[in-house]
Amino acid sequence: MANSAQAKKRARQAEKHREHNTGMRSMLRTFVKKVLKAIGSGDKAQAETAYKQAVPVVDKMAGKGIIHKNKAARYKSRLNTRIRAL
């Protein structure tokens, strides 16, 4: 357990940041799932719309360090490939 005031504060901050990052990661996954659901239904127009909404969210999470930039690129590439295959 933290003994100094500084260590106690850092523990509080770490917990707050962890909760925030968890929420951001959840939001990212929700947007990706919306695209996957649209792809699964076979509706190309809806899938493209969902993809256009998801791309800025993926980029934002990569910029904030929630996910790695290569993972963001991989998400976008794989989703786009599946949409083009419809």
PDB file of N, CA and C in Angstrom:
ATOM      1  N   MET A   1       0.848  -1.188   0.000  1.00  0.00           N
ATOM      2  CA  MET A   1       0.000   0.000   0.000  1.00  0.00           C
ATOM      3  C   MET A   1       0.884   1.237   0.000  1.00  0.00           C
ATOM      4  N   ALA A   2       0.378   2.296  -0.619  1.00  0.00           N
ATOM      5  CA  ALA A   2       1.126   3.545  -0.716  1.00  0.00           C
ATOM      6  C   ALA A   2       1.274   4.178   0.672  1.00  0.00           C
ATOM      7  N   ASN A   3       2.484   4.672   0.939  1.00  0.00           N
ATOM      8  CA  ASN A   3       2.751   5.284   2.245  1.00  0.00           C
ATOM      9  C   ASN A   3       2.841   6.801   2.157  1.00  0.00           C
ATOM     10  N   SER A   4       3.500   7.307   1.147  1.00  0.00           N
ATOM     11  CA  SER A   4       3.665   8.756   1.045  1.00  0.00           C
ATOM     12  C   SER A   4       2.435   9.389   0.401  1.00  0.00           C
ATOM     13  N   ALA A   5       2.286  10.676   0.620  1.00  0.00           N
ATOM     14  CA  ALA A   5       1.161  11.411   0.033  1.00  0.00           C
ATOM     15  C   ALA A   5       1.232  11.359  -1.489  1.00  0.00           C
ATOM     16  N   GLN A   6       2.449  11.450  -2.022  1.00  0.00           N
ATOM     17  CA  GLN A   6       2.643  11.412  -3.464  1.00  0.00           C
ATOM     18  C   GLN A   6       2.199  10.067  -4.042  1.00  0.00           C
ATOM     19  N   ALA A   7       2.573   8.985  -3.366  1.00  0.00           N
ATOM     20  CA  ALA A   7       2.209   7.650  -3.839  1.00  0.00           C
ATOM     21  C   ALA A   7       0.699   7.432  -3.761  1.00  0.00           C
ATOM     22  N   LYS A   8       0.062   7.974  -2.715  1.00  0.00           N
ATOM     23  CA  LYS A   8      -1.384   7.848  -2.584  1.00  0.00           C
ATOM     24  C   LYS A   8      -2.093   8.591  -3.715  1.00  0.00           C
ATOM     25  N   LYS A   9      -1.590   9.776  -4.028  1.00  0.00           N
ATOM     26  CA  LYS A   9      -2.186  10.559  -5.110  1.00  0.00           C
ATOM     27  C   LYS A   9      -2.017   9.843  -6.450  1.00  0.00           C
ATOM     28  N   ARG A  10      -0.822   9.299  -6.698  1.00  0.00           N
ATOM     29  CA  ARG A  10      -0.582   8.594  -7.959  1.00  0.00           C
ATOM     30  C   ARG A  10      -1.495   7.371  -8.079  1.00  0.00           C
ATOM     31  N   ALA A  11      -1.765   6.699  -6.960  1.00  0.00           N
ATOM     32  CA  ALA A  11      -2.659   5.550  -6.972  1.00  0.00           C
ATOM     33  C   ALA A  11      -4.083   5.988  -7.334  1.00  0.00           C
ATOM     34  N   ARG A  12      -4.524   7.127  -6.781  1.00  0.00           N
ATOM     35  CA  ARG A  12      -5.851   7.668  -7.117  1.00  0.00           C
ATOM     36  C   ARG A  12      -5.919   8.026  -8.597  1.00  0.00           C
ATOM     37  N   GLN A  13      -4.870   8.682  -9.094  1.00  0.00           N
ATOM     38  CA  GLN A  13      -4.845   9.081 -10.497  1.00  0.00           C
ATOM     39  C   GLN A  13      -4.833   7.864 -11.423  1.00  0.00           C
ATOM     40  N   ALA A  14      -4.066   6.859 -11.053  1.00  0.00           N
ATOM     41  CA  ALA A  14      -3.974   5.652 -11.870  1.00  0.00           C
ATOM     42  C   ALA A  14      -5.338   4.969 -11.969  1.00  0.00           C
ATOM     43  N   GLU A  15      -6.064   4.923 -10.878  1.00  0.00           N
ATOM     44  CA  GLU A  15      -7.395   4.314 -10.880  1.00  0.00           C
ATOM     45  C   GLU A  15      -8.356   5.101 -11.775  1.00  0.00           C
ATOM     46  N   LYS A  16      -8.293   6.417 -11.677  1.00  0.00           N
ATOM     47  CA  LYS A  16      -9.152   7.272 -12.501  1.00  0.00           C
ATOM     48  C   LYS A  16      -8.830   7.089 -13.985  1.00  0.00           C
ATOM     49  N   HIS A  17      -7.548   7.061 -14.314  1.00  0.00           N
ATOM     50  CA  HIS A  17      -7.128   6.874 -15.705  1.00  0.00           C
ATOM     51  C   HIS A  17      -7.526   5.493 -16.218  1.00  0.00           C
ATOM     52  N   ARG A  18      -7.407   4.476 -15.370  1.00  0.00           N
ATOM     53  CA  ARG A  18      -7.775   3.118 -15.776  1.00  0.00           C
ATOM     54  C   ARG A  18      -9.253   3.043 -16.132  1.00  0.00           C
ATOM     55  N   GLU A  19     -10.104   3.641 -15.299  1.00  0.00           N
ATOM     56  CA  GLU A  19     -11.537   3.637 -15.566  1.00  0.00           C
ATOM     57  C   GLU A  19     -11.869   4.390 -16.856  1.00  0.00           C
ATOM     58  N   HIS A  20     -11.204   5.520 -17.064  1.00  0.00           N
ATOM     59  CA  HIS A  20     -11.429   6.303 -18.284  1.00  0.00           C
ATOM     60  C   HIS A  20     -11.010   5.517 -19.513  1.00  0.00           C
ATOM     61  N   ASN A  21      -9.830   4.895 -19.461  1.00  0.00           N
ATOM     62  CA  ASN A  21      -9.335   4.129 -20.598  1.00  0.00           C
ATOM     63  C   ASN A  21     -10.233   2.931 -20.894  1.00  0.00           C
ATOM     64  N   THR A  22     -10.767   2.302 -19.855  1.00  0.00           N
ATOM     65  CA  THR A  22     -11.665   1.164 -20.045  1.00  0.00           C
ATOM     66  C   THR A  22     -12.917   1.602 -20.795  1.00  0.00           C
ATOM     67  N   GLY A  23     -13.445   2.749 -20.435  1.00  0.00           N
ATOM     68  CA  GLY A  23     -14.627   3.281 -21.117  1.00  0.00           C
ATOM     69  C   GLY A  23     -14.344   3.604 -22.570  1.00  0.00           C
ATOM     70  N   MET A  24     -13.190   4.175 -22.833  1.00  0.00           N
ATOM     71  CA  MET A  24     -12.799   4.520 -24.202  1.00  0.00           C
ATOM     72  C   MET A  24     -12.628   3.257 -25.052  1.00  0.00           C
ATOM     73  N   ARG A  25     -11.998   2.241 -24.467  1.00  0.00           N
ATOM     74  CA  ARG A  25     -11.779   0.981 -25.185  1.00  0.00           C
ATOM     75  C   ARG A  25     -13.118   0.315 -25.494  1.00  0.00           C
ATOM     76  N   SER A  26     -14.051   0.401 -24.545  1.00  0.00           N
ATOM     77  CA  SER A  26     -15.382  -0.167 -24.745  1.00  0.00           C
ATOM     78  C   SER A  26     -16.111   0.544 -25.882  1.00  0.00           C
ATOM     79  N   MET A  27     -16.001   1.865 -25.925  1.00  0.00           N
ATOM     80  CA  MET A  27     -16.636   2.639 -26.988  1.00  0.00           C
ATOM     81  C   MET A  27     -16.059   2.238 -28.346  1.00  0.00           C
ATOM     82  N   LEU A  28     -14.743   2.070 -28.408  1.00  0.00           N
ATOM     83  CA  LEU A  28     -14.079   1.654 -29.644  1.00  0.00           C
ATOM     84  C   LEU A  28     -14.633   0.317 -30.121  1.00  0.00           C
ATOM     85  N   ARG A  29     -14.726  -0.637 -29.218  1.00  0.00           N
ATOM     86  CA  ARG A  29     -15.209  -1.968 -29.579  1.00  0.00           C
ATOM     87  C   ARG A  29     -16.660  -1.918 -30.038  1.00  0.00           C
ATOM     88  N   THR A  30     -17.460  -1.045 -29.431  1.00  0.00           N
ATOM     89  CA  THR A  30     -18.859  -0.907 -29.825  1.00  0.00           C
ATOM     90  C   THR A  30     -18.965  -0.433 -31.269  1.00  0.00           C
ATOM     91  N   PHE A  31     -18.157   0.562 -31.647  1.00  0.00           N
ATOM     92  CA  PHE A  31     -18.186   1.072 -33.014  1.00  0.00           C
ATOM     93  C   PHE A  31     -17.743   0.000 -34.007  1.00  0.00           C
ATOM     94  N   VAL A  32     -16.727  -0.763 -33.641  1.00  0.00           N
ATOM     95  CA  VAL A  32     -16.242  -1.833 -34.527  1.00  0.00           C
ATOM     96  C   VAL A  32     -17.315  -2.909 -34.672  1.00  0.00           C
ATOM     97  N   LYS A  33     -17.999  -3.239 -33.572  1.00  0.00           N
ATOM     98  CA  LYS A  33     -19.057  -4.249 -33.627  1.00  0.00           C
ATOM     99  C   LYS A  33     -20.212  -3.800 -34.508  1.00  0.00           C
ATOM    100  N   LYS A  34     -20.518  -2.502 -34.524  1.00  0.00           N
ATOM    101  CA  LYS A  34     -21.582  -1.994 -35.384  1.00  0.00           C
ATOM    102  C   LYS A  34     -21.235  -2.239 -36.849  1.00  0.00           C
ATOM    103  N   VAL A  35     -19.971  -2.044 -37.196  1.00  0.00           N
ATOM    104  CA  VAL A  35     -19.537  -2.291 -38.571  1.00  0.00           C
ATOM    105  C   VAL A  35     -19.654  -3.776 -38.880  1.00  0.00           C
ATOM    106  N   LEU A  36     -19.188  -4.619 -37.976  1.00  0.00           N
ATOM    107  CA  LEU A  36     -19.247  -6.062 -38.191  1.00  0.00           C
ATOM    108  C   LEU A  36     -20.688  -6.560 -38.316  1.00  0.00           C
ATOM    109  N   LYS A  37     -21.587  -5.986 -37.539  1.00  0.00           N
ATOM    110  CA  LYS A  37     -22.996  -6.374 -37.608  1.00  0.00           C
ATOM    111  C   LYS A  37     -23.581  -5.999 -38.967  1.00  0.00           C
ATOM    112  N   ALA A  38     -23.236  -4.814 -39.458  1.00  0.00           N
ATOM    113  CA  ALA A  38     -23.719  -4.377 -40.768  1.00  0.00           C
ATOM    114  C   ALA A  38     -23.162  -5.268 -41.875  1.00  0.00           C
ATOM    115  N   ILE A  39     -21.904  -5.662 -41.746  1.00  0.00           N
ATOM    116  CA  ILE A  39     -21.292  -6.562 -42.727  1.00  0.00           C
ATOM    117  C   ILE A  39     -21.998  -7.914 -42.689  1.00  0.00           C
ATOM    118  N   GLY A  40     -22.287  -8.386 -41.493  1.00  0.00           N
ATOM    119  CA  GLY A  40     -22.961  -9.673 -41.328  1.00  0.00           C
ATOM    120  C   GLY A  40     -24.355  -9.695 -41.933  1.00  0.00           C
ATOM    121  N   SER A  41     -25.034  -8.542 -41.879  1.00  0.00           N
ATOM    122  CA  SER A  41     -26.381  -8.477 -42.452  1.00  0.00           C
ATOM    123  C   SER A  41     -26.335  -8.385 -43.976  1.00  0.00           C
ATOM    124  N   GLY A  42     -25.175  -8.076 -44.528  1.00  0.00           N
ATOM    125  CA  GLY A  42     -25.012  -8.006 -45.985  1.00  0.00           C
ATOM    126  C   GLY A  42     -25.400  -6.673 -46.586  1.00  0.00           C
ATOM    127  N   ASP A  43     -25.663  -5.666 -45.748  1.00  0.00           N
ATOM    128  CA  ASP A  43     -26.055  -4.343 -46.235  1.00  0.00           C
ATOM    129  C   ASP A  43     -24.806  -3.486 -46.418  1.00  0.00           C
ATOM    130  N   LYS A  44     -24.370  -3.345 -47.670  1.00  0.00           N
ATOM    131  CA  LYS A  44     -23.111  -2.636 -47.945  1.00  0.00           C
ATOM    132  C   LYS A  44     -23.204  -1.153 -47.603  1.00  0.00           C
ATOM    133  N   ALA A  45     -24.331  -0.516 -47.907  1.00  0.00           N
ATOM    134  CA  ALA A  45     -24.488   0.919 -47.628  1.00  0.00           C
ATOM    135  C   ALA A  45     -24.427   1.186 -46.130  1.00  0.00           C
ATOM    136  N   GLN A  46     -25.107   0.358 -45.360  1.00  0.00           N
ATOM    137  CA  GLN A  46     -25.103   0.524 -43.904  1.00  0.00           C
ATOM    138  C   GLN A  46     -23.707   0.252 -43.348  1.00  0.00           C
ATOM    139  N   ALA A  47     -23.018  -0.734 -43.903  1.00  0.00           N
ATOM    140  CA  ALA A  47     -21.667  -1.070 -43.452  1.00  0.00           C
ATOM    141  C   ALA A  47     -20.709   0.083 -43.725  1.00  0.00           C
ATOM    142  N   GLU A  48     -20.841   0.703 -44.885  1.00  0.00           N
ATOM    143  CA  GLU A  48     -19.971   1.844 -45.221  1.00  0.00           C
ATOM    144  C   GLU A  48     -20.233   3.023 -44.300  1.00  0.00           C
ATOM    145  N   THR A  49     -21.496   3.263 -43.986  1.00  0.00           N
ATOM    146  CA  THR A  49     -21.851   4.348 -43.067  1.00  0.00           C
ATOM    147  C   THR A  49     -21.254   4.089 -41.681  1.00  0.00           C
ATOM    148  N   ALA A  50     -21.419   2.867 -41.196  1.00  0.00           N
ATOM    149  CA  ALA A  50     -20.879   2.518 -39.880  1.00  0.00           C
ATOM    150  C   ALA A  50     -19.357   2.610 -39.884  1.00  0.00           C
ATOM    151  N   TYR A  51     -18.729   2.214 -40.993  1.00  0.00           N
ATOM    152  CA  TYR A  51     -17.267   2.277 -41.114  1.00  0.00           C
ATOM    153  C   TYR A  51     -16.785   3.724 -41.053  1.00  0.00           C
ATOM    154  N   LYS A  52     -17.496   4.617 -41.744  1.00  0.00           N
ATOM    155  CA  LYS A  52     -17.116   6.038 -41.746  1.00  0.00           C
ATOM    156  C   LYS A  52     -17.249   6.660 -40.366  1.00  0.00           C
ATOM    157  N   GLN A  53     -18.172   6.136 -39.553  1.00  0.00           N
ATOM    158  CA  GLN A  53     -18.307   6.618 -38.178  1.00  0.00           C
ATOM    159  C   GLN A  53     -17.231   6.018 -37.277  1.00  0.00           C
ATOM    160  N   ALA A  54     -16.801   4.803 -37.580  1.00  0.00           N
ATOM    161  CA  ALA A  54     -15.840   4.109 -36.725  1.00  0.00           C
ATOM    162  C   ALA A  54     -14.407   4.591 -36.925  1.00  0.00           C
ATOM    163  N   VAL A  55     -14.067   4.968 -38.152  1.00  0.00           N
ATOM    164  CA  VAL A  55     -12.676   5.337 -38.457  1.00  0.00           C
ATOM    165  C   VAL A  55     -12.161   6.484 -37.579  1.00  0.00           C
ATOM    166  N   PRO A  56     -12.901   7.594 -37.418  1.00  0.00           N
ATOM    167  CA  PRO A  56     -12.387   8.658 -36.540  1.00  0.00           C
ATOM    168  C   PRO A  56     -12.208   8.202 -35.092  1.00  0.00           C
ATOM    169  N   VAL A  57     -13.090   7.317 -34.627  1.00  0.00           N
ATOM    170  CA  VAL A  57     -12.989   6.821 -33.252  1.00  0.00           C
ATOM    171  C   VAL A  57     -11.723   5.974 -33.112  1.00  0.00           C
ATOM    172  N   VAL A  58     -11.464   5.107 -34.086  1.00  0.00           N
ATOM    173  CA  VAL A  58     -10.264   4.270 -34.061  1.00  0.00           C
ATOM    174  C   VAL A  58      -9.012   5.153 -34.066  1.00  0.00           C
ATOM    175  N   ASP A  59      -8.995   6.161 -34.925  1.00  0.00           N
ATOM    176  CA  ASP A  59      -7.839   7.060 -34.999  1.00  0.00           C
ATOM    177  C   ASP A  59      -7.650   7.839 -33.700  1.00  0.00           C
ATOM    178  N   LYS A  60      -8.754   8.269 -33.104  1.00  0.00           N
ATOM    179  CA  LYS A  60      -8.680   9.021 -31.851  1.00  0.00           C
ATOM    180  C   LYS A  60      -8.094   8.166 -30.729  1.00  0.00           C
ATOM    181  N   MET A  61      -8.512   6.907 -30.669  1.00  0.00           N
ATOM    182  CA  MET A  61      -7.998   6.010 -29.626  1.00  0.00           C
ATOM    183  C   MET A  61      -6.509   5.739 -29.829  1.00  0.00           C
ATOM    184  N   ALA A  62      -6.089   5.632 -31.082  1.00  0.00           N
ATOM    185  CA  ALA A  62      -4.665   5.426 -31.360  1.00  0.00           C
ATOM    186  C   ALA A  62      -3.877   6.674 -30.965  1.00  0.00           C
ATOM    187  N   GLY A  63      -4.434   7.837 -31.241  1.00  0.00           N
ATOM    188  CA  GLY A  63      -3.760   9.089 -30.899  1.00  0.00           C
ATOM    189  C   GLY A  63      -3.607   9.284 -29.408  1.00  0.00           C
ATOM    190  N   LYS A  64      -4.569   8.780 -28.643  1.00  0.00           N
ATOM    191  CA  LYS A  64      -4.531   8.914 -27.184  1.00  0.00           C
ATOM    192  C   LYS A  64      -3.738   7.801 -26.515  1.00  0.00           C
ATOM    193  N   GLY A  65      -3.318   6.803 -27.310  1.00  0.00           N
ATOM    194  CA  GLY A  65      -2.525   5.724 -26.746  1.00  0.00           C
ATOM    195  C   GLY A  65      -3.361   4.622 -26.123  1.00  0.00           C
ATOM    196  N   ILE A  66      -4.665   4.629 -26.368  1.00  0.00           N
ATOM    197  CA  ILE A  66      -5.523   3.570 -25.837  1.00  0.00           C
ATOM    198  C   ILE A  66      -5.206   2.258 -26.565  1.00  0.00           C
ATOM    199  N   ILE A  67      -4.993   2.361 -27.882  1.00  0.00           N
ATOM    200  CA  ILE A  67      -4.535   1.224 -28.676  1.00  0.00           C
ATOM    201  C   ILE A  67      -3.322   1.663 -29.476  1.00  0.00           C
ATOM    202  N   HIS A  68      -2.542   0.719 -29.939  1.00  0.00           N
ATOM    203  CA  HIS A  68      -1.347   1.015 -30.724  1.00  0.00           C
ATOM    204  C   HIS A  68      -1.749   1.471 -32.116  1.00  0.00           C
ATOM    205  N   LYS A  69      -0.943   2.330 -32.728  1.00  0.00           N
ATOM    206  CA  LYS A  69      -1.281   2.860 -34.055  1.00  0.00           C
ATOM    207  C   LYS A  69      -1.344   1.751 -35.103  1.00  0.00           C
ATOM    208  N   ASN A  70      -0.526   0.704 -34.961  1.00  0.00           N
ATOM    209  CA  ASN A  70      -0.577  -0.401 -35.913  1.00  0.00           C
ATOM    210  C   ASN A  70      -1.863  -1.207 -35.754  1.00  0.00           C
ATOM    211  N   LYS A  71      -2.344  -1.316 -34.535  1.00  0.00           N
ATOM    212  CA  LYS A  71      -3.606  -2.020 -34.297  1.00  0.00           C
ATOM    213  C   LYS A  71      -4.751  -1.238 -34.926  1.00  0.00           C
ATOM    214  N   ALA A  72      -4.686   0.082 -34.819  1.00  0.00           N
ATOM    215  CA  ALA A  72      -5.709   0.923 -35.434  1.00  0.00           C
ATOM    216  C   ALA A  72      -5.709   0.728 -36.948  1.00  0.00           C
ATOM    217  N   ALA A  73      -4.534   0.714 -37.537  1.00  0.00           N
ATOM    218  CA  ALA A  73      -4.411   0.516 -38.983  1.00  0.00           C
ATOM    219  C   ALA A  73      -4.933  -0.865 -39.374  1.00  0.00           C
ATOM    220  N   ARG A  74      -4.655  -1.858 -38.557  1.00  0.00           N
ATOM    221  CA  ARG A  74      -5.109  -3.217 -38.839  1.00  0.00           C
ATOM    222  C   ARG A  74      -6.633  -3.309 -38.771  1.00  0.00           C
ATOM    223  N   TYR A  75      -7.245  -2.691 -37.753  1.00  0.00           N
ATOM    224  CA  TYR A  75      -8.703  -2.643 -37.645  1.00  0.00           C
ATOM    225  C   TYR A  75      -9.307  -2.064 -38.921  1.00  0.00           C
ATOM    226  N   LYS A  76      -8.816  -0.893 -39.303  1.00  0.00           N
ATOM    227  CA  LYS A  76      -9.376  -0.192 -40.460  1.00  0.00           C
ATOM    228  C   LYS A  76      -9.194  -0.997 -41.732  1.00  0.00           C
ATOM    229  N   SER A  77      -8.018  -1.563 -41.915  1.00  0.00           N
ATOM    230  CA  SER A  77      -7.728  -2.323 -43.123  1.00  0.00           C
ATOM    231  C   SER A  77      -8.624  -3.551 -43.235  1.00  0.00           C
ATOM    232  N   ARG A  78      -8.761  -4.291 -42.146  1.00  0.00           N
ATOM    233  CA  ARG A  78      -9.558  -5.521 -42.189  1.00  0.00           C
ATOM    234  C   ARG A  78     -11.039  -5.230 -42.379  1.00  0.00           C
ATOM    235  N   LEU A  79     -11.537  -4.191 -41.720  1.00  0.00           N
ATOM    236  CA  LEU A  79     -12.942  -3.832 -41.891  1.00  0.00           C
ATOM    237  C   LEU A  79     -13.201  -3.395 -43.333  1.00  0.00           C
ATOM    238  N   ASN A  80     -12.313  -2.563 -43.858  1.00  0.00           N
ATOM    239  CA  ASN A  80     -12.475  -2.059 -45.225  1.00  0.00           C
ATOM    240  C   ASN A  80     -12.426  -3.203 -46.229  1.00  0.00           C
ATOM    241  N   THR A  81     -11.542  -4.162 -46.020  1.00  0.00           N
ATOM    242  CA  THR A  81     -11.443  -5.313 -46.910  1.00  0.00           C
ATOM    243  C   THR A  81     -12.736  -6.116 -46.912  1.00  0.00           C
ATOM    244  N   ARG A  82     -13.322  -6.303 -45.723  1.00  0.00           N
ATOM    245  CA  ARG A  82     -14.569  -7.068 -45.638  1.00  0.00           C
ATOM    246  C   ARG A  82     -15.734  -6.320 -46.278  1.00  0.00           C
ATOM    247  N   ILE A  83     -15.731  -4.980 -46.166  1.00  0.00           N
ATOM    248  CA  ILE A  83     -16.794  -4.202 -46.792  1.00  0.00           C
ATOM    249  C   ILE A  83     -16.681  -4.287 -48.317  1.00  0.00           C
ATOM    250  N   ARG A  84     -15.469  -4.188 -48.835  1.00  0.00           N
ATOM    251  CA  ARG A  84     -15.273  -4.252 -50.287  1.00  0.00           C
ATOM    252  C   ARG A  84     -15.628  -5.633 -50.839  1.00  0.00           C
ATOM    253  N   ALA A  85     -15.534  -6.658 -50.003  1.00  0.00           N
ATOM    254  CA  ALA A  85     -15.843  -8.018 -50.445  1.00  0.00           C
ATOM    255  C   ALA A  85     -17.356  -8.272 -50.541  1.00  0.00           C
ATOM    256  N   LEU A  86     -18.164  -7.349 -49.956  1.00  0.00           N
ATOM    257  CA  LEU A  86     -19.626  -7.548 -50.008  1.00  0.00           C
ATOM    258  C   LEU A  86     -20.151  -7.476 -51.445  1.00  0.00           C
TER     259      LEU A  86
END
